[in-house]
Amino acid sequence: MLGPTELLIIGGVVVLLFGAKKVPELLGSLGQGIKEFKKAMREEEDAPKSTEAEGSSTPRSTQAK
């Protein structure tokens, strides 16, 4: 677990690497990416399960050799 001192050091290094103006943009992009990921996960959970049942009924042994 990281303590407050370690977090401050990491934050300082990030500011030095990317600059003070770029850090809020990076964090905003990260937040947007997380939102889109969660939205996609919810949409996949809400999708009908009928396509999974149709795909599993086909035997795999009928593939041409």
PDB file of N, CA and C in Angstrom:
ATOM      1  N   MET A   1       0.847  -1.181   0.000  1.00  0.00           N
ATOM      2  CA  MET A   1       0.000   0.000   0.000  1.00  0.00           C
ATOM      3  C   MET A   1       0.891   1.242   0.000  1.00  0.00           C
ATOM      4  N   LEU A   2       0.558   2.178  -0.858  1.00  0.00           N
ATOM      5  CA  LEU A   2       1.342   3.404  -0.949  1.00  0.00           C
ATOM      6  C   LEU A   2       0.881   4.418   0.084  1.00  0.00           C
ATOM      7  N   GLY A   3       1.841   5.054   0.704  1.00  0.00           N
ATOM      8  CA  GLY A   3       1.532   6.089   1.681  1.00  0.00           C
ATOM      9  C   GLY A   3       1.471   7.454   1.010  1.00  0.00           C
ATOM     10  N   PRO A   4       1.147   8.481   1.784  1.00  0.00           N
ATOM     11  CA  PRO A   4       1.020   9.823   1.218  1.00  0.00           C
ATOM     12  C   PRO A   4       2.333  10.365   0.646  1.00  0.00           C
ATOM     13  N   THR A   5       3.451  10.023   1.275  1.00  0.00           N
ATOM     14  CA  THR A   5       4.747  10.504   0.789  1.00  0.00           C
ATOM     15  C   THR A   5       5.058   9.921  -0.585  1.00  0.00           C
ATOM     16  N   GLU A   6       4.822   8.622  -0.739  1.00  0.00           N
ATOM     17  CA  GLU A   6       5.076   7.983  -2.021  1.00  0.00           C
ATOM     18  C   GLU A   6       4.173   8.550  -3.116  1.00  0.00           C
ATOM     19  N   LEU A   7       2.903   8.801  -2.778  1.00  0.00           N
ATOM     20  CA  LEU A   7       1.977   9.370  -3.762  1.00  0.00           C
ATOM     21  C   LEU A   7       2.412  10.764  -4.200  1.00  0.00           C
ATOM     22  N   LEU A   8       2.923  11.575  -3.252  1.00  0.00           N
ATOM     23  CA  LEU A   8       3.420  12.908  -3.605  1.00  0.00           C
ATOM     24  C   LEU A   8       4.638  12.828  -4.517  1.00  0.00           C
ATOM     25  N   ILE A   9       5.516  11.895  -4.241  1.00  0.00           N
ATOM     26  CA  ILE A   9       6.702  11.729  -5.088  1.00  0.00           C
ATOM     27  C   ILE A   9       6.293  11.295  -6.495  1.00  0.00           C
ATOM     28  N   ILE A  10       5.386  10.336  -6.586  1.00  0.00           N
ATOM     29  CA  ILE A  10       4.904   9.877  -7.888  1.00  0.00           C
ATOM     30  C   ILE A  10       4.216  11.020  -8.625  1.00  0.00           C
ATOM     31  N   GLY A  11       3.393  11.785  -7.929  1.00  0.00           N
ATOM     32  CA  GLY A  11       2.722  12.937  -8.541  1.00  0.00           C
ATOM     33  C   GLY A  11       3.720  13.963  -9.052  1.00  0.00           C
ATOM     34  N   GLY A  12       4.769  14.226  -8.268  1.00  0.00           N
ATOM     35  CA  GLY A  12       5.811  15.167  -8.694  1.00  0.00           C
ATOM     36  C   GLY A  12       6.540  14.695  -9.940  1.00  0.00           C
ATOM     37  N   VAL A  13       6.823  13.410 -10.007  1.00  0.00           N
ATOM     38  CA  VAL A  13       7.501  12.862 -11.181  1.00  0.00           C
ATOM     39  C   VAL A  13       6.603  12.970 -12.408  1.00  0.00           C
ATOM     40  N   VAL A  14       5.324  12.702 -12.248  1.00  0.00           N
ATOM     41  CA  VAL A  14       4.382  12.807 -13.370  1.00  0.00           C
ATOM     42  C   VAL A  14       4.318  14.244 -13.872  1.00  0.00           C
ATOM     43  N   VAL A  15       4.262  15.206 -12.968  1.00  0.00           N
ATOM     44  CA  VAL A  15       4.221  16.618 -13.364  1.00  0.00           C
ATOM     45  C   VAL A  15       5.510  17.000 -14.087  1.00  0.00           C
ATOM     46  N   LEU A  16       6.646  16.514 -13.608  1.00  0.00           N
ATOM     47  CA  LEU A  16       7.918  16.810 -14.275  1.00  0.00           C
ATOM     48  C   LEU A  16       7.984  16.198 -15.671  1.00  0.00           C
ATOM     49  N   LEU A  17       7.467  14.994 -15.819  1.00  0.00           N
ATOM     50  CA  LEU A  17       7.527  14.318 -17.116  1.00  0.00           C
ATOM     51  C   LEU A  17       6.577  14.932 -18.134  1.00  0.00           C
ATOM     52  N   PHE A  18       5.350  15.217 -17.736  1.00  0.00           N
ATOM     53  CA  PHE A  18       4.327  15.632 -18.682  1.00  0.00           C
ATOM     54  C   PHE A  18       4.030  17.126 -18.659  1.00  0.00           C
ATOM     55  N   GLY A  19       4.394  17.811 -17.619  1.00  0.00           N
ATOM     56  CA  GLY A  19       4.093  19.233 -17.500  1.00  0.00           C
ATOM     57  C   GLY A  19       2.763  19.445 -16.795  1.00  0.00           C
ATOM     58  N   ALA A  20       2.647  20.592 -16.136  1.00  0.00           N
ATOM     59  CA  ALA A  20       1.464  20.873 -15.326  1.00  0.00           C
ATOM     60  C   ALA A  20       0.210  21.035 -16.177  1.00  0.00           C
ATOM     61  N   LYS A  21       0.341  21.495 -17.410  1.00  0.00           N
ATOM     62  CA  LYS A  21      -0.834  21.687 -18.263  1.00  0.00           C
ATOM     63  C   LYS A  21      -1.347  20.368 -18.828  1.00  0.00           C
ATOM     64  N   LYS A  22      -0.487  19.405 -19.004  1.00  0.00           N
ATOM     65  CA  LYS A  22      -0.875  18.143 -19.647  1.00  0.00           C
ATOM     66  C   LYS A  22      -1.515  17.156 -18.669  1.00  0.00           C
ATOM     67  N   VAL A  23      -1.196  17.242 -17.396  1.00  0.00           N
ATOM     68  CA  VAL A  23      -1.692  16.279 -16.411  1.00  0.00           C
ATOM     69  C   VAL A  23      -3.223  16.265 -16.332  1.00  0.00           C
ATOM     70  N   PRO A  24      -3.924  17.415 -16.254  1.00  0.00           N
ATOM     71  CA  PRO A  24      -5.391  17.356 -16.227  1.00  0.00           C
ATOM     72  C   PRO A  24      -5.986  16.735 -17.495  1.00  0.00           C
ATOM     73  N   GLU A  25      -5.350  16.973 -18.639  1.00  0.00           N
ATOM     74  CA  GLU A  25      -5.828  16.351 -19.885  1.00  0.00           C
ATOM     75  C   GLU A  25      -5.676  14.841 -19.822  1.00  0.00           C
ATOM     76  N   LEU A  26      -4.541  14.373 -19.301  1.00  0.00           N
ATOM     77  CA  LEU A  26      -4.317  12.931 -19.185  1.00  0.00           C
ATOM     78  C   LEU A  26      -5.319  12.285 -18.241  1.00  0.00           C
ATOM     79  N   LEU A  27      -5.573  12.938 -17.115  1.00  0.00           N
ATOM     80  CA  LEU A  27      -6.535  12.390 -16.154  1.00  0.00           C
ATOM     81  C   LEU A  27      -7.950  12.402 -16.714  1.00  0.00           C
ATOM     82  N   GLY A  28      -8.303  13.447 -17.468  1.00  0.00           N
ATOM     83  CA  GLY A  28      -9.617  13.501 -18.103  1.00  0.00           C
ATOM     84  C   GLY A  28      -9.794  12.388 -19.125  1.00  0.00           C
ATOM     85  N   SER A  29      -8.753  12.148 -19.909  1.00  0.00           N
ATOM     86  CA  SER A  29      -8.795  11.069 -20.887  1.00  0.00           C
ATOM     87  C   SER A  29      -8.920   9.711 -20.205  1.00  0.00           C
ATOM     88  N   LEU A  30      -8.212   9.549 -19.110  1.00  0.00           N
ATOM     89  CA  LEU A  30      -8.294   8.301 -18.356  1.00  0.00           C
ATOM     90  C   LEU A  30      -9.705   8.084 -17.821  1.00  0.00           C
ATOM     91  N   GLY A  31     -10.302   9.139 -17.269  1.00  0.00           N
ATOM     92  CA  GLY A  31     -11.672   9.047 -16.759  1.00  0.00           C
ATOM     93  C   GLY A  31     -12.669   8.712 -17.850  1.00  0.00           C
ATOM     94  N   GLN A  32     -12.508   9.334 -19.019  1.00  0.00           N
ATOM     95  CA  GLN A  32     -13.409   9.058 -20.146  1.00  0.00           C
ATOM     96  C   GLN A  32     -13.270   7.609 -20.609  1.00  0.00           C
ATOM     97  N   GLY A  33     -12.049   7.122 -20.645  1.00  0.00           N
ATOM     98  CA  GLY A  33     -11.821   5.734 -21.037  1.00  0.00           C
ATOM     99  C   GLY A  33     -12.472   4.756 -20.075  1.00  0.00           C
ATOM    100  N   ILE A  34     -12.393   5.050 -18.795  1.00  0.00           N
ATOM    101  CA  ILE A  34     -13.015   4.184 -17.789  1.00  0.00           C
ATOM    102  C   ILE A  34     -14.535   4.199 -17.952  1.00  0.00           C
ATOM    103  N   LYS A  35     -15.117   5.382 -18.214  1.00  0.00           N
ATOM    104  CA  LYS A  35     -16.563   5.478 -18.421  1.00  0.00           C
ATOM    105  C   LYS A  35     -16.998   4.646 -19.621  1.00  0.00           C
ATOM    106  N   GLU A  36     -16.256   4.760 -20.733  1.00  0.00           N
ATOM    107  CA  GLU A  36     -16.601   4.004 -21.934  1.00  0.00           C
ATOM    108  C   GLU A  36     -16.473   2.505 -21.701  1.00  0.00           C
ATOM    109  N   PHE A  37     -15.455   2.097 -20.955  1.00  0.00           N
ATOM    110  CA  PHE A  37     -15.275   0.682 -20.653  1.00  0.00           C
ATOM    111  C   PHE A  37     -16.439   0.145 -19.832  1.00  0.00           C
ATOM    112  N   LYS A  38     -16.844   0.882 -18.812  1.00  0.00           N
ATOM    113  CA  LYS A  38     -17.966   0.451 -17.973  1.00  0.00           C
ATOM    114  C   LYS A  38     -19.254   0.398 -18.786  1.00  0.00           C
ATOM    115  N   LYS A  39     -19.458   1.380 -19.678  1.00  0.00           N
ATOM    116  CA  LYS A  39     -20.649   1.403 -20.526  1.00  0.00           C
ATOM    117  C   LYS A  39     -20.679   0.175 -21.435  1.00  0.00           C
ATOM    118  N   ALA A  40     -19.543  -0.161 -22.027  1.00  0.00           N
ATOM    119  CA  ALA A  40     -19.474  -1.330 -22.898  1.00  0.00           C
ATOM    120  C   ALA A  40     -19.739  -2.609 -22.118  1.00  0.00           C
ATOM    121  N   MET A  41     -19.243  -2.683 -20.890  1.00  0.00           N
ATOM    122  CA  MET A  41     -19.482  -3.874 -20.073  1.00  0.00           C
ATOM    123  C   MET A  41     -20.963  -4.009 -19.742  1.00  0.00           C
ATOM    124  N   ARG A  42     -21.619  -2.880 -19.429  1.00  0.00           N
ATOM    125  CA  ARG A  42     -23.063  -2.923 -19.136  1.00  0.00           C
ATOM    126  C   ARG A  42     -23.841  -3.339 -20.366  1.00  0.00           C
ATOM    127  N   GLU A  43     -23.475  -2.819 -21.538  1.00  0.00           N
ATOM    128  CA  GLU A  43     -24.189  -3.163 -22.771  1.00  0.00           C
ATOM    129  C   GLU A  43     -24.037  -4.637 -23.087  1.00  0.00           C
ATOM    130  N   GLU A  44     -22.851  -5.192 -22.835  1.00  0.00           N
ATOM    131  CA  GLU A  44     -22.638  -6.607 -23.113  1.00  0.00           C
ATOM    132  C   GLU A  44     -23.447  -7.477 -22.162  1.00  0.00           C
ATOM    133  N   GLU A  45     -23.563  -7.060 -20.906  1.00  0.00           N
ATOM    134  CA  GLU A  45     -24.358  -7.822 -19.946  1.00  0.00           C
ATOM    135  C   GLU A  45     -25.838  -7.774 -20.305  1.00  0.00           C
ATOM    136  N   ASP A  46     -26.297  -6.649 -20.857  1.00  0.00           N
ATOM    137  CA  ASP A  46     -27.696  -6.481 -21.202  1.00  0.00           C
ATOM    138  C   ASP A  46     -28.056  -7.130 -22.543  1.00  0.00           C
ATOM    139  N   ALA A  47     -27.059  -7.511 -23.333  1.00  0.00           N
ATOM    140  CA  ALA A  47     -27.311  -8.109 -24.646  1.00  0.00           C
ATOM    141  C   ALA A  47     -28.036  -9.438 -24.466  1.00  0.00           C
ATOM    142  N   PRO A  48     -28.908  -9.786 -25.409  1.00  0.00           N
ATOM    143  CA  PRO A  48     -29.630 -11.060 -25.299  1.00  0.00           C
ATOM    144  C   PRO A  48     -28.675 -12.250 -25.374  1.00  0.00           C
ATOM    145  N   LYS A  49     -28.964 -13.247 -24.592  1.00  0.00           N
ATOM    146  CA  LYS A  49     -28.108 -14.423 -24.512  1.00  0.00           C
ATOM    147  C   LYS A  49     -28.437 -15.448 -25.605  1.00  0.00           C
ATOM    148  N   SER A  50     -29.407 -15.168 -26.486  1.00  0.00           N
ATOM    149  CA  SER A  50     -29.815 -16.130 -27.506  1.00  0.00           C
ATOM    150  C   SER A  50     -28.701 -16.416 -28.496  1.00  0.00           C
ATOM    151  N   THR A  51     -27.852 -15.467 -28.787  1.00  0.00           N
ATOM    152  CA  THR A  51     -26.764 -15.704 -29.735  1.00  0.00           C
ATOM    153  C   THR A  51     -25.761 -16.690 -29.174  1.00  0.00           C
ATOM    154  N   GLU A  52     -25.560 -16.706 -27.874  1.00  0.00           N
ATOM    155  CA  GLU A  52     -24.660 -17.668 -27.266  1.00  0.00           C
ATOM    156  C   GLU A  52     -25.231 -19.078 -27.371  1.00  0.00           C
ATOM    157  N   ALA A  53     -26.526 -19.237 -27.177  1.00  0.00           N
ATOM    158  CA  ALA A  53     -27.151 -20.551 -27.237  1.00  0.00           C
ATOM    159  C   ALA A  53     -27.119 -21.103 -28.659  1.00  0.00           C
ATOM    160  N   GLU A  54     -27.328 -20.262 -29.659  1.00  0.00           N
ATOM    161  CA  GLU A  54     -27.303 -20.708 -31.046  1.00  0.00           C
ATOM    162  C   GLU A  54     -25.914 -21.180 -31.445  1.00  0.00           C
ATOM    163  N   GLY A  55     -24.894 -20.484 -31.035  1.00  0.00           N
ATOM    164  CA  GLY A  55     -23.526 -20.820 -31.400  1.00  0.00           C
ATOM    165  C   GLY A  55     -23.048 -22.100 -30.746  1.00  0.00           C
ATOM    166  N   SER A  56     -23.521 -22.424 -29.562  1.00  0.00           N
ATOM    167  CA  SER A  56     -23.037 -23.599 -28.857  1.00  0.00           C
ATOM    168  C   SER A  56     -23.714 -24.890 -29.324  1.00  0.00           C
ATOM    169  N   SER A  57     -24.819 -24.795 -30.079  1.00  0.00           N
ATOM    170  CA  SER A  57     -25.516 -26.005 -30.506  1.00  0.00           C
ATOM    171  C   SER A  57     -24.855 -26.667 -31.709  1.00  0.00           C
ATOM    172  N   THR A  58     -23.958 -25.976 -32.402  1.00  0.00           N
ATOM    173  CA  THR A  58     -23.287 -26.539 -33.562  1.00  0.00           C
ATOM    174  C   THR A  58     -22.091 -27.362 -33.102  1.00  0.00           C
ATOM    175  N   PRO A  59     -22.050 -28.646 -33.487  1.00  0.00           N
ATOM    176  CA  PRO A  59     -20.911 -29.479 -33.064  1.00  0.00           C
ATOM    177  C   PRO A  59     -19.642 -29.061 -33.789  1.00  0.00           C
ATOM    178  N   ARG A  60     -18.522 -29.121 -33.090  1.00  0.00           N
ATOM    179  CA  ARG A  60     -17.249 -28.718 -33.669  1.00  0.00           C
ATOM    180  C   ARG A  60     -16.604 -29.860 -34.464  1.00  0.00           C
ATOM    181  N   SER A  61     -17.065 -31.061 -34.314  1.00  0.00           N
ATOM    182  CA  SER A  61     -16.462 -32.207 -35.000  1.00  0.00           C
ATOM    183  C   SER A  61     -16.830 -32.272 -36.465  1.00  0.00           C
ATOM    184  N   THR A  62     -17.724 -31.409 -36.945  1.00  0.00           N
ATOM    185  CA  THR A  62     -18.140 -31.441 -38.339  1.00  0.00           C
ATOM    186  C   THR A  62     -17.273 -30.580 -39.239  1.00  0.00           C
ATOM    187  N   GLN A  63     -16.148 -30.097 -38.721  1.00  0.00           N
ATOM    188  CA  GLN A  63     -15.256 -29.276 -39.533  1.00  0.00           C
ATOM    189  C   GLN A  63     -14.589 -30.120 -40.605  1.00  0.00           C
ATOM    190  N   ALA A  64     -14.414 -29.524 -41.799  1.00  0.00           N
ATOM    191  CA  ALA A  64     -13.787 -30.235 -42.914  1.00  0.00           C
ATOM    192  C   ALA A  64     -12.298 -30.390 -42.659  1.00  0.00           C
ATOM    193  N   LYS A  65     -11.759 -31.517 -43.083  1.00  0.00           N
ATOM    194  CA  LYS A  65     -10.326 -31.796 -42.872  1.00  0.00           C
ATOM    195  C   LYS A  65      -9.570 -31.580 -44.153  1.00  0.00           C
TER     196      LYS A  65
END
